[in-house]
Amino acid sequence: MTENAQLLERVAAKAAAVRPWGRPSLPEPVDRVTVAQAEAALGFPLPALLADLYLRIGDGGFGPEYGLLSLLDSTPSGEPAAVSQYLANRASGRQDPDWPWPEGVLPISHWGCAMYACVDCRSPQASVLLFEPNPGDPDQAWFVDAPSLSEWLRAWLDGTGWYDVMDEDLSLTPWTQFRIRTATDRAPTT
């Protein structure tokens, strides 16, 4: 059994044992057509592990805190789907160039207070980023939550994520690629 297959088994077991926030039960997994529709709307492929979470475990509702966002359809609680949130963030960033949203950075989990866990779909390891805009400075709003999606999931499974550890000295690593990844969005059009 591969490492990802073992990880998916652990995630499935925990997801089945925890009631999803704002839902009566864990949503059914999506099908490959739904993943293809999501990728077409986004304009880029989902990392394999992220696609497998939606295909094998459920359409969101599991994971840290409020759990993963649904992929295409909003939840009964009104939480937007990952694809629509990404598209809205990109559109908002074009309207307000001081707050651009990086291409390929998909919000996957809402933390509340405008904070999101996001997967960098352009990084080979599918890094998980934390978007925390509340200090009011876009250059200080992005952090590396986990070097990879698999490590982010393991931290949730093991109870070792920053959201589980009560450490006042905890500081997340800033994501230094923010301005580089949004530079083309800010370039003037001719």
N, C-alpha and C. Protein backbone atom coordinates (compact mmCIF):
# COMPACT_ATOMS: atom_id res chain seq x y z
N MET A 1 0.85 -1.18 0.00
CA MET A 1 0.00 0.00 0.00
C MET A 1 0.89 1.24 0.00
N THR A 2 0.56 2.21 -0.85
CA THR A 2 1.36 3.42 -0.94
C THR A 2 1.14 4.31 0.28
N GLU A 3 2.06 5.26 0.44
CA GLU A 3 1.94 6.20 1.55
C GLU A 3 0.65 7.01 1.46
N ASN A 4 0.30 7.47 0.24
CA ASN A 4 -0.94 8.23 0.07
C ASN A 4 -2.17 7.36 0.34
N ALA A 5 -2.13 6.11 -0.04
CA ALA A 5 -3.26 5.21 0.22
C ALA A 5 -3.45 5.02 1.72
N GLN A 6 -2.34 4.86 2.45
CA GLN A 6 -2.43 4.75 3.91
C GLN A 6 -2.97 6.03 4.53
N LEU A 7 -2.51 7.16 4.02
CA LEU A 7 -3.00 8.44 4.53
C LEU A 7 -4.49 8.59 4.26
N LEU A 8 -4.94 8.23 3.06
CA LEU A 8 -6.37 8.32 2.73
C LEU A 8 -7.20 7.41 3.64
N GLU A 9 -6.68 6.25 3.99
CA GLU A 9 -7.40 5.35 4.92
C GLU A 9 -7.55 6.01 6.29
N ARG A 10 -6.49 6.63 6.78
CA ARG A 10 -6.56 7.31 8.08
C ARG A 10 -7.53 8.48 8.04
N VAL A 11 -7.49 9.26 6.96
CA VAL A 11 -8.40 10.40 6.82
C VAL A 11 -9.84 9.89 6.77
N ALA A 12 -10.09 8.84 6.01
CA ALA A 12 -11.45 8.28 5.89
C ALA A 12 -11.96 7.82 7.25
N ALA A 13 -11.12 7.17 8.04
CA ALA A 13 -11.53 6.69 9.35
C ALA A 13 -11.88 7.86 10.27
N LYS A 14 -11.05 8.90 10.28
CA LYS A 14 -11.33 10.05 11.15
C LYS A 14 -12.55 10.81 10.65
N ALA A 15 -12.66 10.98 9.33
CA ALA A 15 -13.80 11.69 8.76
C ALA A 15 -15.11 10.99 9.10
N ALA A 16 -15.10 9.67 9.10
CA ALA A 16 -16.31 8.91 9.41
C ALA A 16 -16.70 9.02 10.88
N ALA A 17 -15.72 9.32 11.73
CA ALA A 17 -15.96 9.36 13.17
C ALA A 17 -16.31 10.76 13.69
N VAL A 18 -16.21 11.78 12.84
CA VAL A 18 -16.43 13.15 13.28
C VAL A 18 -17.60 13.75 12.52
N ARG A 19 -18.53 14.38 13.24
CA ARG A 19 -19.65 15.03 12.57
C ARG A 19 -19.16 16.32 11.92
N PRO A 20 -19.39 16.47 10.62
CA PRO A 20 -18.93 17.68 9.93
C PRO A 20 -19.65 18.92 10.43
N TRP A 21 -18.93 20.04 10.48
CA TRP A 21 -19.49 21.30 10.93
C TRP A 21 -20.58 21.74 9.97
N GLY A 22 -21.76 22.06 10.52
CA GLY A 22 -22.87 22.58 9.72
C GLY A 22 -23.55 21.56 8.84
N ARG A 23 -23.29 20.29 9.05
CA ARG A 23 -23.89 19.23 8.22
C ARG A 23 -24.35 18.08 9.11
N PRO A 24 -25.41 17.42 8.70
CA PRO A 24 -25.87 16.27 9.50
C PRO A 24 -24.96 15.06 9.36
N SER A 25 -24.25 14.94 8.23
CA SER A 25 -23.37 13.79 8.01
C SER A 25 -22.33 14.15 6.96
N LEU A 26 -21.36 13.29 6.81
CA LEU A 26 -20.31 13.50 5.82
C LEU A 26 -20.92 13.42 4.43
N PRO A 27 -20.67 14.41 3.57
CA PRO A 27 -21.20 14.36 2.21
C PRO A 27 -20.61 13.19 1.43
N GLU A 28 -21.33 12.74 0.45
CA GLU A 28 -20.84 11.68 -0.43
C GLU A 28 -19.65 12.21 -1.23
N PRO A 29 -18.76 11.31 -1.65
CA PRO A 29 -17.67 11.74 -2.53
C PRO A 29 -18.22 12.25 -3.87
N VAL A 30 -17.41 13.04 -4.55
CA VAL A 30 -17.79 13.51 -5.89
C VAL A 30 -17.34 12.47 -6.91
N ASP A 31 -17.79 12.63 -8.14
CA ASP A 31 -17.34 11.74 -9.20
C ASP A 31 -16.29 12.44 -10.06
N ARG A 32 -15.70 11.71 -10.98
CA ARG A 32 -14.63 12.26 -11.82
C ARG A 32 -15.13 13.40 -12.71
N VAL A 33 -16.40 13.34 -13.09
CA VAL A 33 -16.98 14.42 -13.90
C VAL A 33 -16.96 15.72 -13.11
N THR A 34 -17.29 15.67 -11.84
CA THR A 34 -17.28 16.86 -10.98
C THR A 34 -15.87 17.41 -10.85
N VAL A 35 -14.89 16.53 -10.67
CA VAL A 35 -13.50 16.98 -10.58
C VAL A 35 -13.09 17.64 -11.90
N ALA A 36 -13.47 17.05 -13.03
CA ALA A 36 -13.15 17.62 -14.33
C ALA A 36 -13.82 18.99 -14.52
N GLN A 37 -15.05 19.12 -14.07
CA GLN A 37 -15.74 20.42 -14.15
C GLN A 37 -15.04 21.46 -13.28
N ALA A 38 -14.62 21.07 -12.09
CA ALA A 38 -13.91 21.98 -11.20
C ALA A 38 -12.60 22.43 -11.84
N GLU A 39 -11.85 21.48 -12.39
CA GLU A 39 -10.58 21.82 -13.01
C GLU A 39 -10.77 22.72 -14.23
N ALA A 40 -11.82 22.48 -14.99
CA ALA A 40 -12.10 23.34 -16.15
C ALA A 40 -12.43 24.76 -15.70
N ALA A 41 -13.22 24.89 -14.64
CA ALA A 41 -13.58 26.22 -14.13
C ALA A 41 -12.36 26.94 -13.56
N LEU A 42 -11.48 26.19 -12.91
CA LEU A 42 -10.29 26.78 -12.30
C LEU A 42 -9.22 27.13 -13.34
N GLY A 43 -9.13 26.30 -14.36
CA GLY A 43 -8.09 26.50 -15.36
C GLY A 43 -6.78 25.80 -15.02
N PHE A 44 -6.79 24.90 -14.05
CA PHE A 44 -5.60 24.13 -13.67
C PHE A 44 -6.06 22.85 -12.98
N PRO A 45 -5.21 21.82 -13.00
CA PRO A 45 -5.58 20.55 -12.36
C PRO A 45 -5.42 20.62 -10.84
N LEU A 46 -6.23 19.84 -10.17
CA LEU A 46 -6.08 19.67 -8.73
C LEU A 46 -4.91 18.73 -8.47
N PRO A 47 -4.16 18.95 -7.40
CA PRO A 47 -3.15 17.96 -7.03
C PRO A 47 -3.83 16.60 -6.80
N ALA A 48 -3.14 15.53 -7.14
CA ALA A 48 -3.73 14.19 -7.08
C ALA A 48 -4.31 13.86 -5.70
N LEU A 49 -3.58 14.19 -4.64
CA LEU A 49 -4.07 13.88 -3.29
C LEU A 49 -5.34 14.66 -2.97
N LEU A 50 -5.41 15.92 -3.37
CA LEU A 50 -6.61 16.71 -3.12
C LEU A 50 -7.79 16.14 -3.90
N ALA A 51 -7.58 15.79 -5.15
CA ALA A 51 -8.65 15.17 -5.94
C ALA A 51 -9.11 13.87 -5.28
N ASP A 52 -8.16 13.07 -4.79
CA ASP A 52 -8.53 11.81 -4.13
C ASP A 52 -9.35 12.03 -2.87
N LEU A 53 -9.08 13.10 -2.13
CA LEU A 53 -9.88 13.39 -0.94
C LEU A 53 -11.35 13.58 -1.32
N TYR A 54 -11.58 14.34 -2.40
CA TYR A 54 -12.95 14.59 -2.84
C TYR A 54 -13.56 13.34 -3.50
N LEU A 55 -12.76 12.57 -4.21
CA LEU A 55 -13.26 11.38 -4.91
C LEU A 55 -13.50 10.20 -3.98
N ARG A 56 -12.70 10.08 -2.93
CA ARG A 56 -12.77 8.87 -2.08
C ARG A 56 -13.37 9.09 -0.70
N ILE A 57 -13.23 10.30 -0.14
CA ILE A 57 -13.68 10.53 1.24
C ILE A 57 -15.04 11.21 1.27
N GLY A 58 -15.14 12.38 0.66
CA GLY A 58 -16.40 13.11 0.66
C GLY A 58 -16.21 14.49 0.05
N ASP A 59 -17.32 15.13 -0.25
CA ASP A 59 -17.29 16.47 -0.84
C ASP A 59 -17.17 17.51 0.26
N GLY A 60 -16.04 17.48 0.96
CA GLY A 60 -15.77 18.42 2.03
C GLY A 60 -16.37 17.96 3.35
N GLY A 61 -16.27 18.86 4.35
CA GLY A 61 -16.86 18.59 5.66
C GLY A 61 -15.95 17.85 6.62
N PHE A 62 -14.77 17.48 6.23
CA PHE A 62 -13.83 16.79 7.11
C PHE A 62 -12.50 17.54 7.06
N GLY A 63 -11.72 17.40 8.11
CA GLY A 63 -10.44 18.08 8.19
C GLY A 63 -10.43 19.03 9.36
N PRO A 64 -9.38 19.83 9.47
CA PRO A 64 -9.26 20.75 10.61
C PRO A 64 -10.45 21.71 10.73
N GLU A 65 -10.79 22.02 11.95
CA GLU A 65 -11.84 23.00 12.29
C GLU A 65 -13.13 22.78 11.51
N TYR A 66 -13.48 23.70 10.58
CA TYR A 66 -14.73 23.59 9.83
C TYR A 66 -14.66 22.55 8.71
N GLY A 67 -13.50 22.02 8.46
CA GLY A 67 -13.33 21.00 7.44
C GLY A 67 -13.13 21.58 6.05
N LEU A 68 -12.90 20.68 5.11
CA LEU A 68 -12.71 21.10 3.72
C LEU A 68 -14.00 21.68 3.17
N LEU A 69 -13.83 22.67 2.31
CA LEU A 69 -14.97 23.23 1.58
C LEU A 69 -15.44 22.20 0.56
N SER A 70 -16.70 22.26 0.21
CA SER A 70 -17.19 21.46 -0.91
C SER A 70 -16.43 21.91 -2.14
N LEU A 71 -16.36 21.04 -3.14
CA LEU A 71 -15.60 21.38 -4.32
C LEU A 71 -16.35 22.36 -5.23
N LEU A 72 -17.57 22.00 -5.64
CA LEU A 72 -18.33 22.85 -6.58
C LEU A 72 -19.61 23.43 -6.01
N ASP A 73 -20.23 22.73 -5.09
CA ASP A 73 -21.54 23.16 -4.59
C ASP A 73 -21.43 23.72 -3.17
N SER A 74 -22.08 24.84 -2.93
CA SER A 74 -22.10 25.42 -1.59
C SER A 74 -22.78 24.47 -0.61
N THR A 75 -22.42 24.58 0.64
CA THR A 75 -22.97 23.69 1.67
C THR A 75 -24.32 24.20 2.16
N PRO A 76 -25.07 23.34 2.86
CA PRO A 76 -26.34 23.79 3.44
C PRO A 76 -26.18 24.95 4.42
N SER A 77 -24.99 25.07 5.02
CA SER A 77 -24.75 26.17 5.97
C SER A 77 -24.42 27.48 5.26
N GLY A 78 -24.31 27.42 3.93
CA GLY A 78 -24.04 28.63 3.16
C GLY A 78 -22.58 28.89 2.88
N GLU A 79 -21.70 28.02 3.36
CA GLU A 79 -20.27 28.17 3.09
C GLU A 79 -20.04 28.00 1.59
N PRO A 80 -19.29 28.91 0.96
CA PRO A 80 -19.05 28.78 -0.48
C PRO A 80 -18.19 27.56 -0.80
N ALA A 81 -18.32 27.07 -2.01
CA ALA A 81 -17.49 25.96 -2.47
C ALA A 81 -16.09 26.48 -2.79
N ALA A 82 -15.12 25.58 -2.81
CA ALA A 82 -13.73 25.94 -3.05
C ALA A 82 -13.57 26.66 -4.39
N VAL A 83 -14.17 26.13 -5.44
CA VAL A 83 -14.02 26.72 -6.78
C VAL A 83 -14.62 28.12 -6.82
N SER A 84 -15.83 28.28 -6.31
CA SER A 84 -16.45 29.61 -6.36
C SER A 84 -15.71 30.60 -5.48
N GLN A 85 -15.15 30.16 -4.35
CA GLN A 85 -14.37 31.06 -3.50
C GLN A 85 -13.10 31.49 -4.21
N TYR A 86 -12.43 30.56 -4.88
CA TYR A 86 -11.22 30.89 -5.63
C TYR A 86 -11.54 31.91 -6.73
N LEU A 87 -12.58 31.65 -7.51
CA LEU A 87 -12.94 32.56 -8.60
C LEU A 87 -13.33 33.94 -8.06
N ALA A 88 -14.04 33.97 -6.94
CA ALA A 88 -14.41 35.25 -6.32
C ALA A 88 -13.17 36.00 -5.83
N ASN A 89 -12.22 35.28 -5.23
CA ASN A 89 -10.99 35.90 -4.74
C ASN A 89 -10.16 36.46 -5.89
N ARG A 90 -10.09 35.72 -6.98
CA ARG A 90 -9.33 36.20 -8.15
C ARG A 90 -10.00 37.46 -8.71
N ALA A 91 -11.33 37.45 -8.83
CA ALA A 91 -12.05 38.62 -9.35
C ALA A 91 -11.87 39.82 -8.42
N SER A 92 -11.96 39.59 -7.13
CA SER A 92 -11.78 40.66 -6.15
C SER A 92 -10.37 41.24 -6.25
N GLY A 93 -9.39 40.37 -6.44
CA GLY A 93 -8.01 40.83 -6.57
C GLY A 93 -7.78 41.68 -7.81
N ARG A 94 -8.53 41.40 -8.87
CA ARG A 94 -8.42 42.23 -10.07
C ARG A 94 -9.07 43.60 -9.83
N GLN A 95 -10.11 43.64 -9.01
CA GLN A 95 -10.78 44.90 -8.67
C GLN A 95 -9.96 45.73 -7.69
N ASP A 96 -9.27 45.07 -6.78
CA ASP A 96 -8.46 45.76 -5.77
C ASP A 96 -7.03 45.24 -5.88
N PRO A 97 -6.21 45.85 -6.75
CA PRO A 97 -4.86 45.35 -6.99
C PRO A 97 -3.95 45.35 -5.76
N ASP A 98 -4.35 46.05 -4.70
CA ASP A 98 -3.55 45.98 -3.47
C ASP A 98 -3.69 44.62 -2.78
N TRP A 99 -4.78 43.91 -3.09
CA TRP A 99 -5.04 42.60 -2.50
C TRP A 99 -5.22 41.54 -3.58
N PRO A 100 -4.18 41.29 -4.40
CA PRO A 100 -4.32 40.28 -5.44
C PRO A 100 -4.38 38.88 -4.84
N TRP A 101 -5.05 37.98 -5.55
CA TRP A 101 -5.09 36.58 -5.12
C TRP A 101 -4.23 35.78 -6.08
N PRO A 102 -3.26 35.02 -5.57
CA PRO A 102 -2.34 34.29 -6.45
C PRO A 102 -3.04 33.22 -7.29
N GLU A 103 -2.65 33.16 -8.55
CA GLU A 103 -3.18 32.14 -9.46
C GLU A 103 -2.76 30.77 -8.96
N GLY A 104 -3.69 29.83 -8.96
CA GLY A 104 -3.39 28.46 -8.57
C GLY A 104 -3.44 28.18 -7.08
N VAL A 105 -3.81 29.17 -6.27
CA VAL A 105 -3.89 28.98 -4.82
C VAL A 105 -5.36 28.82 -4.44
N LEU A 106 -5.75 27.58 -4.24
CA LEU A 106 -7.16 27.21 -4.04
C LEU A 106 -7.52 27.17 -2.55
N PRO A 107 -8.49 28.01 -2.12
CA PRO A 107 -8.95 27.91 -0.73
C PRO A 107 -9.65 26.56 -0.53
N ILE A 108 -9.24 25.85 0.51
CA ILE A 108 -9.86 24.54 0.75
C ILE A 108 -10.56 24.45 2.10
N SER A 109 -10.26 25.37 3.01
CA SER A 109 -10.87 25.31 4.33
C SER A 109 -10.95 26.71 4.92
N HIS A 110 -12.11 27.05 5.44
CA HIS A 110 -12.33 28.37 6.03
C HIS A 110 -12.09 28.28 7.53
N TRP A 111 -11.28 29.19 8.06
CA TRP A 111 -10.99 29.20 9.49
C TRP A 111 -11.87 30.18 10.25
N GLY A 112 -12.68 30.97 9.53
CA GLY A 112 -13.43 32.04 10.15
C GLY A 112 -12.62 33.32 10.08
N CYS A 113 -13.26 34.45 10.31
CA CYS A 113 -12.58 35.77 10.30
C CYS A 113 -11.78 36.00 9.03
N ALA A 114 -12.28 35.56 7.88
CA ALA A 114 -11.68 35.76 6.56
C ALA A 114 -10.40 34.95 6.35
N MET A 115 -10.07 34.04 7.25
CA MET A 115 -8.86 33.23 7.13
C MET A 115 -9.19 31.94 6.37
N TYR A 116 -8.25 31.51 5.52
CA TYR A 116 -8.41 30.29 4.74
C TYR A 116 -7.13 29.47 4.72
N ALA A 117 -7.29 28.16 4.75
CA ALA A 117 -6.20 27.25 4.38
C ALA A 117 -6.35 27.06 2.88
N CYS A 118 -5.24 27.13 2.17
CA CYS A 118 -5.25 27.07 0.71
C CYS A 118 -4.19 26.10 0.22
N VAL A 119 -4.49 25.39 -0.85
CA VAL A 119 -3.50 24.52 -1.47
C VAL A 119 -2.89 25.25 -2.66
N ASP A 120 -1.57 25.29 -2.69
CA ASP A 120 -0.87 25.85 -3.84
C ASP A 120 -0.82 24.75 -4.90
N CYS A 121 -1.74 24.83 -5.83
CA CYS A 121 -1.86 23.80 -6.86
C CYS A 121 -0.73 23.86 -7.88
N ARG A 122 0.09 24.88 -7.82
CA ARG A 122 1.24 24.99 -8.72
C ARG A 122 2.51 24.44 -8.09
N SER A 123 2.51 24.15 -6.81
CA SER A 123 3.71 23.60 -6.19
C SER A 123 3.68 22.08 -6.33
N PRO A 124 4.82 21.47 -6.60
CA PRO A 124 4.86 20.01 -6.81
C PRO A 124 4.35 19.20 -5.62
N GLN A 125 4.57 19.70 -4.42
CA GLN A 125 4.15 18.97 -3.22
C GLN A 125 2.80 19.43 -2.69
N ALA A 126 2.13 20.35 -3.42
CA ALA A 126 0.83 20.88 -2.99
C ALA A 126 0.94 21.50 -1.59
N SER A 127 1.79 22.50 -1.47
CA SER A 127 1.96 23.20 -0.19
C SER A 127 0.62 23.74 0.29
N VAL A 128 0.46 23.77 1.59
CA VAL A 128 -0.75 24.36 2.17
C VAL A 128 -0.35 25.70 2.78
N LEU A 129 -1.07 26.74 2.37
CA LEU A 129 -0.81 28.10 2.82
C LEU A 129 -1.92 28.57 3.72
N LEU A 130 -1.60 29.46 4.62
CA LEU A 130 -2.60 30.11 5.46
C LEU A 130 -2.73 31.54 4.99
N PHE A 131 -3.95 31.93 4.63
CA PHE A 131 -4.25 33.32 4.29
C PHE A 131 -4.90 33.93 5.52
N GLU A 132 -4.21 34.92 6.11
CA GLU A 132 -4.69 35.58 7.33
C GLU A 132 -4.62 37.08 7.10
N PRO A 133 -5.70 37.69 6.55
CA PRO A 133 -5.65 39.09 6.15
C PRO A 133 -5.91 40.10 7.26
N ASN A 134 -6.23 39.65 8.45
CA ASN A 134 -6.71 40.55 9.49
C ASN A 134 -5.72 41.63 9.94
N PRO A 135 -4.42 41.43 9.87
CA PRO A 135 -3.53 42.55 10.20
C PRO A 135 -3.63 43.72 9.21
N GLY A 136 -4.21 43.48 8.02
CA GLY A 136 -4.44 44.58 7.09
C GLY A 136 -3.35 44.85 6.08
N ASP A 137 -2.36 43.98 5.97
CA ASP A 137 -1.26 44.17 5.03
C ASP A 137 -1.15 42.92 4.16
N PRO A 138 -1.41 43.03 2.85
CA PRO A 138 -1.37 41.84 2.00
C PRO A 138 0.00 41.16 1.99
N ASP A 139 1.07 41.91 2.18
CA ASP A 139 2.40 41.32 2.20
C ASP A 139 2.67 40.52 3.48
N GLN A 140 1.82 40.68 4.47
CA GLN A 140 1.98 39.93 5.72
C GLN A 140 0.78 39.02 5.99
N ALA A 141 0.05 38.68 4.94
CA ALA A 141 -1.16 37.88 5.09
C ALA A 141 -1.00 36.42 4.70
N TRP A 142 0.16 36.05 4.18
CA TRP A 142 0.37 34.69 3.66
C TRP A 142 1.46 33.97 4.43
N PHE A 143 1.15 32.72 4.83
CA PHE A 143 2.09 31.90 5.58
C PHE A 143 2.09 30.48 5.05
N VAL A 144 3.19 29.78 5.26
CA VAL A 144 3.25 28.36 4.93
C VAL A 144 2.68 27.61 6.13
N ASP A 145 1.54 26.99 5.92
CA ASP A 145 0.90 26.19 6.97
C ASP A 145 1.58 24.82 7.05
N ALA A 146 1.82 24.21 5.90
CA ALA A 146 2.51 22.92 5.83
C ALA A 146 3.21 22.82 4.48
N PRO A 147 4.39 22.21 4.44
CA PRO A 147 5.12 22.09 3.18
C PRO A 147 4.38 21.27 2.12
N SER A 148 3.46 20.40 2.56
CA SER A 148 2.70 19.59 1.61
C SER A 148 1.31 19.31 2.17
N LEU A 149 0.40 18.97 1.26
CA LEU A 149 -0.95 18.61 1.68
C LEU A 149 -0.93 17.36 2.55
N SER A 150 -0.06 16.41 2.23
CA SER A 150 0.00 15.20 3.06
C SER A 150 0.46 15.53 4.48
N GLU A 151 1.41 16.44 4.64
CA GLU A 151 1.85 16.83 5.98
C GLU A 151 0.76 17.58 6.73
N TRP A 152 -0.01 18.41 6.01
CA TRP A 152 -1.12 19.14 6.62
C TRP A 152 -2.16 18.16 7.15
N LEU A 153 -2.46 17.14 6.35
CA LEU A 153 -3.43 16.14 6.78
C LEU A 153 -2.91 15.34 7.98
N ARG A 154 -1.63 14.98 7.95
CA ARG A 154 -1.06 14.25 9.08
C ARG A 154 -1.11 15.08 10.37
N ALA A 155 -0.85 16.38 10.26
CA ALA A 155 -0.92 17.24 11.45
C ALA A 155 -2.34 17.24 12.02
N TRP A 156 -3.34 17.26 11.15
CA TRP A 156 -4.73 17.18 11.62
C TRP A 156 -5.00 15.83 12.28
N LEU A 157 -4.58 14.76 11.64
CA LEU A 157 -4.80 13.42 12.19
C LEU A 157 -4.11 13.23 13.53
N ASP A 158 -2.91 13.78 13.65
CA ASP A 158 -2.11 13.58 14.86
C ASP A 158 -2.33 14.63 15.93
N GLY A 159 -3.14 15.67 15.63
CA GLY A 159 -3.38 16.74 16.60
C GLY A 159 -2.19 17.63 16.84
N THR A 160 -1.35 17.81 15.80
CA THR A 160 -0.13 18.60 15.96
C THR A 160 -0.13 19.88 15.12
N GLY A 161 -1.25 20.23 14.51
CA GLY A 161 -1.32 21.47 13.72
C GLY A 161 -1.25 22.68 14.62
N TRP A 162 -0.91 23.83 14.05
CA TRP A 162 -0.80 25.06 14.83
C TRP A 162 -2.09 25.38 15.56
N TYR A 163 -3.22 24.99 15.00
CA TYR A 163 -4.53 25.25 15.59
C TYR A 163 -4.81 24.33 16.79
N ASP A 164 -4.01 23.26 16.95
CA ASP A 164 -4.15 22.34 18.08
C ASP A 164 -3.17 22.63 19.20
N VAL A 165 -2.09 23.31 18.89
CA VAL A 165 -1.00 23.52 19.84
C VAL A 165 -1.16 24.90 20.47
N MET A 166 -1.27 24.92 21.76
CA MET A 166 -1.39 26.19 22.48
C MET A 166 0.01 26.71 22.80
N ASP A 167 0.60 27.41 21.83
CA ASP A 167 1.96 27.91 21.97
C ASP A 167 1.96 29.39 21.60
N GLU A 168 2.09 30.25 22.60
CA GLU A 168 2.07 31.69 22.35
C GLU A 168 3.26 32.15 21.53
N ASP A 169 4.33 31.37 21.52
CA ASP A 169 5.52 31.73 20.76
C ASP A 169 5.50 31.18 19.34
N LEU A 170 4.42 30.52 18.97
CA LEU A 170 4.30 29.95 17.64
C LEU A 170 4.31 31.04 16.58
N SER A 171 5.15 30.89 15.61
CA SER A 171 5.14 31.81 14.48
C SER A 171 5.25 30.99 13.20
N LEU A 172 4.35 31.26 12.28
CA LEU A 172 4.36 30.56 11.01
C LEU A 172 5.34 31.24 10.06
N THR A 173 5.88 30.46 9.16
CA THR A 173 6.82 30.97 8.17
C THR A 173 6.08 31.77 7.11
N PRO A 174 6.49 33.00 6.86
CA PRO A 174 5.84 33.77 5.79
C PRO A 174 6.03 33.08 4.43
N TRP A 175 5.03 33.20 3.58
CA TRP A 175 5.11 32.68 2.22
C TRP A 175 5.76 33.76 1.37
N THR A 176 6.99 33.57 1.00
CA THR A 176 7.75 34.59 0.29
C THR A 176 7.41 34.69 -1.19
N GLN A 177 6.62 33.78 -1.71
CA GLN A 177 6.28 33.78 -3.13
C GLN A 177 5.08 34.67 -3.47
N PHE A 178 4.45 35.28 -2.48
CA PHE A 178 3.22 36.03 -2.72
C PHE A 178 3.40 37.09 -3.81
N ARG A 179 4.34 38.00 -3.66
CA ARG A 179 4.50 39.07 -4.65
C ARG A 179 4.99 38.54 -5.99
N ILE A 180 5.81 37.53 -5.96
CA ILE A 180 6.28 36.93 -7.21
C ILE A 180 5.10 36.33 -7.97
N ARG A 181 4.27 35.60 -7.25
CA ARG A 181 3.15 34.90 -7.88
C ARG A 181 2.01 35.83 -8.29
N THR A 182 1.97 37.03 -7.76
CA THR A 182 0.91 37.96 -8.14
C THR A 182 1.41 39.08 -9.04
N ALA A 183 2.70 39.09 -9.36
CA ALA A 183 3.28 40.16 -10.16
C ALA A 183 2.63 40.26 -11.54
N THR A 184 2.34 39.13 -12.18
CA THR A 184 1.74 39.18 -13.52
C THR A 184 0.32 39.70 -13.46
N ASP A 185 -0.36 39.49 -12.35
CA ASP A 185 -1.73 40.01 -12.21
C ASP A 185 -1.73 41.53 -12.10
N ARG A 186 -0.62 42.10 -11.63
CA ARG A 186 -0.56 43.54 -11.41
C ARG A 186 0.05 44.27 -12.60
N ALA A 187 0.58 43.50 -13.56
CA ALA A 187 1.23 44.14 -14.72
C ALA A 187 0.18 44.87 -15.55
N PRO A 188 0.52 46.07 -16.02
CA PRO A 188 -0.44 46.82 -16.84
C PRO A 188 -0.68 46.09 -18.16
N THR A 189 -1.90 46.16 -18.63
CA THR A 189 -2.25 45.55 -19.91
C THR A 189 -2.07 46.56 -21.02
N THR A 190 -1.70 46.07 -22.18
CA THR A 190 -1.52 46.99 -23.32
C THR A 190 -2.50 46.68 -24.41
